[in-house]
Amino acid sequence: MRKRSRWLSRSVLGLMCLAFAGAAGAASFGPLAVLAPSAIVPEAGPSEALSGAIALDVSSVPVASPTLFSLTSVSVLASSGASFALDPDVPSPALGVVQAAGNFLIPTLFLHIVDGESSFDLAVPDVTGTLFFGFDGSVVGIVSSFSVDSLSPDGTLTVNLLALVPEPSAGALALATLMALGALGARARTEVSR
């Protein structure tokens, strides 16, 4: 019994090491769900809630030094009905650099905005924020706040953005855990019976 317990604990430890130790390489993440308190906040007037999704690529994961990353998809909707997407006419509309701590800079973010009957392109300089990493180096969230001059009576608009990986349902997570434990238990019984 003691031999089987030791074997089982070593097997679980080995599986955990394999899960967290992977070769560095490019990876895609998303969609990350845009969640509250994401909003556009004007100097004058009511703020507008934001919803939608963002996806991104990181050139080397886990991030250990300054690394290129790029937003690959932005599909954000304001409560007023305005929609925001990456400018399709720009080859790299959201190319930036992320540091090992998660801090990032996109020198110029190129957006295409549709607001009712009008649509226009907008270049937003110096977009900064933070990427949040999971234990395995994967991106699990992004937070950013930047300002844009609206050239209207609303004045400067502050955009606050929070996007996270949608969590799996508790039932799905419990089922996956039970299946993994069952597989480990069946293998342990097979080893003991030999």
C-alpha atoms as a PDB file:
ATOM      1  CA  MET A   1       0.000   0.000   0.000  1.00  0.00           C
ATOM      2  CA  ARG A   2       2.801   2.380   0.909  1.00  0.00           C
ATOM      3  CA  LYS A   3       4.629   1.596  -2.358  1.00  0.00           C
ATOM      4  CA  ARG A   4       1.521   2.408  -4.383  1.00  0.00           C
ATOM      5  CA  SER A   5       0.990   5.691  -2.502  1.00  0.00           C
ATOM      6  CA  ARG A   6       4.580   6.758  -3.142  1.00  0.00           C
ATOM      7  CA  TRP A   7       4.267   5.818  -6.818  1.00  0.00           C
ATOM      8  CA  LEU A   8       1.001   7.737  -7.121  1.00  0.00           C
ATOM      9  CA  SER A   9       2.451  10.888  -5.525  1.00  0.00           C
ATOM     10  CA  ARG A  10       5.518  10.729  -7.812  1.00  0.00           C
ATOM     11  CA  SER A  11       3.266  10.276 -10.852  1.00  0.00           C
ATOM     12  CA  VAL A  12       1.116  13.273  -9.935  1.00  0.00           C
ATOM     13  CA  LEU A  13       4.240  15.381  -9.322  1.00  0.00           C
ATOM     14  CA  GLY A  14       5.678  14.302 -12.685  1.00  0.00           C
ATOM     15  CA  LEU A  15       2.463  15.168 -14.503  1.00  0.00           C
ATOM     16  CA  MET A  16       2.379  18.606 -12.864  1.00  0.00           C
ATOM     17  CA  CYS A  17       5.994  19.269 -13.907  1.00  0.00           C
ATOM     18  CA  LEU A  18       5.195  18.269 -17.495  1.00  0.00           C
ATOM     19  CA  ALA A  19       2.138  20.502 -17.538  1.00  0.00           C
ATOM     20  CA  PHE A  20       4.077  23.565 -16.412  1.00  0.00           C
ATOM     21  CA  ALA A  21       7.343  22.953 -18.261  1.00  0.00           C
ATOM     22  CA  GLY A  22       6.979  23.594 -21.936  1.00  0.00           C
ATOM     23  CA  ALA A  23       9.339  24.899 -24.539  1.00  0.00           C
ATOM     24  CA  ALA A  24       9.129  28.611 -25.219  1.00  0.00           C
ATOM     25  CA  GLY A  25       7.341  29.428 -28.435  1.00  0.00           C
ATOM     26  CA  ALA A  26       4.787  31.675 -30.069  1.00  0.00           C
ATOM     27  CA  ALA A  27       1.233  31.338 -28.789  1.00  0.00           C
ATOM     28  CA  SER A  28      -2.234  32.748 -29.437  1.00  0.00           C
ATOM     29  CA  PHE A  29      -4.645  33.626 -26.646  1.00  0.00           C
ATOM     30  CA  GLY A  30      -8.307  34.469 -26.680  1.00  0.00           C
ATOM     31  CA  PRO A  31     -10.946  35.332 -26.944  1.00  0.00           C
ATOM     32  CA  LEU A  32     -10.612  37.249 -23.706  1.00  0.00           C
ATOM     33  CA  ALA A  33     -14.002  38.552 -22.582  1.00  0.00           C
ATOM     34  CA  VAL A  34     -14.268  42.325 -22.044  1.00  0.00           C
ATOM     35  CA  LEU A  35     -15.849  42.750 -18.605  1.00  0.00           C
ATOM     36  CA  ALA A  36     -17.065  45.483 -16.236  1.00  0.00           C
ATOM     37  CA  PRO A  37     -15.726  47.968 -15.201  1.00  0.00           C
ATOM     38  CA  SER A  38     -14.600  48.423 -18.838  1.00  0.00           C
ATOM     39  CA  ALA A  39     -15.978  51.760 -20.020  1.00  0.00           C
ATOM     40  CA  ILE A  40     -15.443  54.925 -22.020  1.00  0.00           C
ATOM     41  CA  VAL A  41     -15.510  57.835 -19.584  1.00  0.00           C
ATOM     42  CA  PRO A  42     -15.907  61.352 -21.083  1.00  0.00           C
ATOM     43  CA  GLU A  43     -14.912  64.544 -19.288  1.00  0.00           C
ATOM     44  CA  ALA A  44     -18.566  65.599 -19.569  1.00  0.00           C
ATOM     45  CA  GLY A  45     -21.573  63.308 -19.771  1.00  0.00           C
ATOM     46  CA  PRO A  46     -22.318  59.723 -18.803  1.00  0.00           C
ATOM     47  CA  SER A  47     -19.849  56.888 -19.275  1.00  0.00           C
ATOM     48  CA  GLU A  48     -20.514  54.029 -21.695  1.00  0.00           C
ATOM     49  CA  ALA A  49     -20.013  50.401 -20.682  1.00  0.00           C
ATOM     50  CA  LEU A  50     -17.915  48.205 -22.972  1.00  0.00           C
ATOM     51  CA  SER A  51     -18.399  44.528 -23.849  1.00  0.00           C
ATOM     52  CA  GLY A  52     -16.954  42.165 -26.421  1.00  0.00           C
ATOM     53  CA  ALA A  53     -13.754  40.176 -26.901  1.00  0.00           C
ATOM     54  CA  ILE A  54     -10.043  40.569 -27.599  1.00  0.00           C
ATOM     55  CA  ALA A  55      -7.504  38.032 -28.897  1.00  0.00           C
ATOM     56  CA  LEU A  56      -3.721  38.341 -29.033  1.00  0.00           C
ATOM     57  CA  ASP A  57      -0.479  36.613 -30.045  1.00  0.00           C
ATOM     58  CA  VAL A  58       2.737  36.569 -28.025  1.00  0.00           C
ATOM     59  CA  SER A  59       5.956  35.722 -29.897  1.00  0.00           C
ATOM     60  CA  SER A  60       7.546  33.768 -27.022  1.00  0.00           C
ATOM     61  CA  VAL A  61       5.828  32.154 -24.048  1.00  0.00           C
ATOM     62  CA  PRO A  62       6.627  32.214 -21.196  1.00  0.00           C
ATOM     63  CA  VAL A  63       7.728  35.846 -21.440  1.00  0.00           C
ATOM     64  CA  ALA A  64      11.208  36.116 -19.907  1.00  0.00           C
ATOM     65  CA  SER A  65      12.464  39.307 -21.574  1.00  0.00           C
ATOM     66  CA  PRO A  66      10.983  42.067 -23.754  1.00  0.00           C
ATOM     67  CA  THR A  67       8.846  40.200 -26.292  1.00  0.00           C
ATOM     68  CA  LEU A  68       6.732  41.199 -29.287  1.00  0.00           C
ATOM     69  CA  PHE A  69       2.993  40.770 -29.004  1.00  0.00           C
ATOM     70  CA  SER A  70       0.045  41.822 -31.103  1.00  0.00           C
ATOM     71  CA  LEU A  71      -3.668  42.191 -30.640  1.00  0.00           C
ATOM     72  CA  THR A  72      -5.081  40.005 -33.416  1.00  0.00           C
ATOM     73  CA  SER A  73      -8.763  40.683 -32.883  1.00  0.00           C
ATOM     74  CA  VAL A  74     -10.697  43.473 -31.212  1.00  0.00           C
ATOM     75  CA  SER A  75     -14.474  43.247 -31.241  1.00  0.00           C
ATOM     76  CA  VAL A  76     -15.746  45.735 -28.664  1.00  0.00           C
ATOM     77  CA  LEU A  77     -19.187  47.317 -28.421  1.00  0.00           C
ATOM     78  CA  ALA A  78     -20.074  50.422 -26.372  1.00  0.00           C
ATOM     79  CA  SER A  79     -23.453  50.674 -24.645  1.00  0.00           C
ATOM     80  CA  SER A  80     -24.298  53.535 -27.068  1.00  0.00           C
ATOM     81  CA  GLY A  81     -23.976  51.113 -30.003  1.00  0.00           C
ATOM     82  CA  ALA A  82     -20.563  52.242 -31.283  1.00  0.00           C
ATOM     83  CA  SER A  83     -18.284  49.356 -32.282  1.00  0.00           C
ATOM     84  CA  PHE A  84     -14.495  49.174 -32.205  1.00  0.00           C
ATOM     85  CA  ALA A  85     -12.260  46.869 -34.249  1.00  0.00           C
ATOM     86  CA  LEU A  86      -8.680  46.803 -35.496  1.00  0.00           C
ATOM     87  CA  ASP A  87      -8.151  48.916 -38.635  1.00  0.00           C
ATOM     88  CA  PRO A  88      -8.168  46.361 -41.500  1.00  0.00           C
ATOM     89  CA  ASP A  89      -6.153  48.706 -43.749  1.00  0.00           C
ATOM     90  CA  VAL A  90      -3.068  48.694 -41.490  1.00  0.00           C
ATOM     91  CA  PRO A  91      -0.761  45.617 -41.740  1.00  0.00           C
ATOM     92  CA  SER A  92       0.048  45.502 -37.980  1.00  0.00           C
ATOM     93  CA  PRO A  93      -2.627  47.640 -36.309  1.00  0.00           C
ATOM     94  CA  ALA A  94      -1.738  46.659 -32.726  1.00  0.00           C
ATOM     95  CA  LEU A  95       1.908  45.583 -32.534  1.00  0.00           C
ATOM     96  CA  GLY A  96       3.615  46.113 -29.195  1.00  0.00           C
ATOM     97  CA  VAL A  97       6.191  44.896 -26.701  1.00  0.00           C
ATOM     98  CA  VAL A  98       5.491  43.154 -23.386  1.00  0.00           C
ATOM     99  CA  GLN A  99       7.954  42.891 -20.472  1.00  0.00           C
ATOM    100  CA  ALA A 100       8.404  39.790 -18.292  1.00  0.00           C
ATOM    101  CA  ALA A 101       6.344  41.464 -15.527  1.00  0.00           C
ATOM    102  CA  GLY A 102       3.447  41.883 -17.984  1.00  0.00           C
ATOM    103  CA  ASN A 103       3.712  45.648 -18.611  1.00  0.00           C
ATOM    104  CA  PHE A 104       3.158  46.433 -22.286  1.00  0.00           C
ATOM    105  CA  LEU A 105       3.340  49.295 -24.763  1.00  0.00           C
ATOM    106  CA  ILE A 106       1.607  49.522 -28.131  1.00  0.00           C
ATOM    107  CA  PRO A 107       3.249  52.617 -29.715  1.00  0.00           C
ATOM    108  CA  THR A 108       0.203  53.248 -31.935  1.00  0.00           C
ATOM    109  CA  LEU A 109      -3.095  51.349 -31.822  1.00  0.00           C
ATOM    110  CA  PHE A 110      -5.007  51.666 -35.100  1.00  0.00           C
ATOM    111  CA  LEU A 111      -8.773  51.260 -34.666  1.00  0.00           C
ATOM    112  CA  HIS A 112     -11.773  51.341 -36.988  1.00  0.00           C
ATOM    113  CA  ILE A 113     -14.866  52.772 -35.290  1.00  0.00           C
ATOM    114  CA  VAL A 114     -18.469  52.556 -36.456  1.00  0.00           C
ATOM    115  CA  ASP A 115     -20.847  54.905 -34.645  1.00  0.00           C
ATOM    116  CA  GLY A 116     -24.328  54.880 -36.120  1.00  0.00           C
ATOM    117  CA  GLU A 117     -24.168  56.065 -39.729  1.00  0.00           C
ATOM    118  CA  SER A 118     -20.557  57.253 -39.532  1.00  0.00           C
ATOM    119  CA  SER A 119     -17.356  55.254 -39.484  1.00  0.00           C
ATOM    120  CA  PHE A 120     -13.783  56.447 -39.135  1.00  0.00           C
ATOM    121  CA  ASP A 121     -10.253  55.294 -38.363  1.00  0.00           C
ATOM    122  CA  LEU A 122      -8.418  56.382 -35.243  1.00  0.00           C
ATOM    123  CA  ALA A 123      -4.697  56.143 -34.355  1.00  0.00           C
ATOM    124  CA  VAL A 124      -4.242  56.040 -30.572  1.00  0.00           C
ATOM    125  CA  PRO A 125      -0.652  56.737 -29.429  1.00  0.00           C
ATOM    126  CA  ASP A 126       1.144  55.138 -26.472  1.00  0.00           C
ATOM    127  CA  VAL A 127      -1.358  52.530 -25.311  1.00  0.00           C
ATOM    128  CA  THR A 128      -0.028  50.953 -22.129  1.00  0.00           C
ATOM    129  CA  GLY A 129      -1.323  48.310 -19.783  1.00  0.00           C
ATOM    130  CA  THR A 130      -0.600  44.941 -18.227  1.00  0.00           C
ATOM    131  CA  LEU A 131      -0.948  41.341 -19.398  1.00  0.00           C
ATOM    132  CA  PHE A 132      -1.659  38.809 -16.650  1.00  0.00           C
ATOM    133  CA  PHE A 133      -0.007  35.408 -16.962  1.00  0.00           C
ATOM    134  CA  GLY A 134      -1.087  31.995 -15.659  1.00  0.00           C
ATOM    135  CA  PHE A 135       1.309  29.496 -14.035  1.00  0.00           C
ATOM    136  CA  ASP A 136       2.140  28.032 -17.449  1.00  0.00           C
ATOM    137  CA  GLY A 137       2.930  31.420 -18.994  1.00  0.00           C
ATOM    138  CA  SER A 138      -0.394  31.700 -20.818  1.00  0.00           C
ATOM    139  CA  VAL A 139      -2.161  35.057 -20.975  1.00  0.00           C
ATOM    140  CA  VAL A 140      -5.229  35.026 -18.714  1.00  0.00           C
ATOM    141  CA  GLY A 141      -6.097  38.717 -18.767  1.00  0.00           C
ATOM    142  CA  ILE A 142      -5.313  42.224 -19.955  1.00  0.00           C
ATOM    143  CA  VAL A 143      -5.935  45.624 -18.386  1.00  0.00           C
ATOM    144  CA  SER A 144      -5.354  49.001 -20.029  1.00  0.00           C
ATOM    145  CA  SER A 145      -6.359  52.618 -19.636  1.00  0.00           C
ATOM    146  CA  PHE A 146      -5.681  55.346 -22.183  1.00  0.00           C
ATOM    147  CA  SER A 147      -7.041  58.731 -23.236  1.00  0.00           C
ATOM    148  CA  VAL A 148      -8.281  60.006 -26.590  1.00  0.00           C
ATOM    149  CA  ASP A 149      -9.192  63.588 -27.538  1.00  0.00           C
ATOM    150  CA  SER A 150     -12.742  63.306 -28.891  1.00  0.00           C
ATOM    151  CA  LEU A 151     -12.603  66.676 -30.723  1.00  0.00           C
ATOM    152  CA  SER A 152     -16.143  67.210 -29.434  1.00  0.00           C
ATOM    153  CA  PRO A 153     -17.866  68.798 -26.414  1.00  0.00           C
ATOM    154  CA  ASP A 154     -17.234  65.507 -24.559  1.00  0.00           C
ATOM    155  CA  GLY A 155     -13.551  66.528 -24.322  1.00  0.00           C
ATOM    156  CA  THR A 156     -10.991  63.840 -23.578  1.00  0.00           C
ATOM    157  CA  LEU A 157     -12.311  60.300 -23.404  1.00  0.00           C
ATOM    158  CA  THR A 158     -10.669  57.865 -20.998  1.00  0.00           C
ATOM    159  CA  VAL A 159     -10.933  54.239 -22.074  1.00  0.00           C
ATOM    160  CA  ASN A 160     -10.695  51.685 -19.259  1.00  0.00           C
ATOM    161  CA  LEU A 161     -10.433  48.086 -20.426  1.00  0.00           C
ATOM    162  CA  LEU A 162     -10.432  44.766 -18.557  1.00  0.00           C
ATOM    163  CA  ALA A 163     -10.534  41.467 -20.438  1.00  0.00           C
ATOM    164  CA  LEU A 164     -10.145  37.985 -18.930  1.00  0.00           C
ATOM    165  CA  VAL A 165     -10.200  34.364 -20.064  1.00  0.00           C
ATOM    166  CA  PRO A 166     -13.742  33.082 -19.536  1.00  0.00           C
ATOM    167  CA  GLU A 167     -13.726  30.595 -16.664  1.00  0.00           C
ATOM    168  CA  PRO A 168     -14.930  27.064 -17.292  1.00  0.00           C
ATOM    169  CA  SER A 169     -18.096  26.112 -15.482  1.00  0.00           C
ATOM    170  CA  ALA A 170     -17.648  24.569 -12.061  1.00  0.00           C
ATOM    171  CA  GLY A 171     -19.272  21.337 -13.274  1.00  0.00           C
ATOM    172  CA  ALA A 172     -16.895  20.961 -16.225  1.00  0.00           C
ATOM    173  CA  LEU A 173     -13.891  21.620 -13.991  1.00  0.00           C
ATOM    174  CA  ALA A 174     -15.074  19.064 -11.408  1.00  0.00           C
ATOM    175  CA  LEU A 175     -15.708  16.467 -14.139  1.00  0.00           C
ATOM    176  CA  ALA A 176     -12.220  16.959 -15.612  1.00  0.00           C
ATOM    177  CA  THR A 177     -10.666  16.591 -12.145  1.00  0.00           C
ATOM    178  CA  LEU A 178     -12.599  13.393 -11.421  1.00  0.00           C
ATOM    179  CA  MET A 179     -11.648  11.928 -14.802  1.00  0.00           C
ATOM    180  CA  ALA A 180      -7.950  12.662 -14.171  1.00  0.00           C
ATOM    181  CA  LEU A 181      -8.077  11.132 -10.691  1.00  0.00           C
ATOM    182  CA  GLY A 182      -9.922   8.078 -12.051  1.00  0.00           C
ATOM    183  CA  ALA A 183      -7.280   7.544 -14.720  1.00  0.00           C
ATOM    184  CA  LEU A 184      -4.482   7.833 -12.165  1.00  0.00           C
ATOM    185  CA  GLY A 185      -6.272   5.408  -9.820  1.00  0.00           C
ATOM    186  CA  ALA A 186      -6.813   2.837 -12.584  1.00  0.00           C
ATOM    187  CA  ARG A 187      -3.150   2.995 -13.562  1.00  0.00           C
ATOM    188  CA  ALA A 188      -2.081   2.622  -9.922  1.00  0.00           C
ATOM    189  CA  ARG A 189      -4.261  -0.494  -9.536  1.00  0.00           C
ATOM    190  CA  THR A 190      -2.749  -1.967 -12.703  1.00  0.00           C
ATOM    191  CA  GLU A 191       0.803  -1.371 -11.432  1.00  0.00           C
ATOM    192  CA  VAL A 192       0.068  -2.970  -8.034  1.00  0.00           C
ATOM    193  CA  SER A 193      -1.518  -6.082  -9.555  1.00  0.00           C
ATOM    194  CA  ARG A 194       1.599  -6.818 -11.665  1.00  0.00           C
END
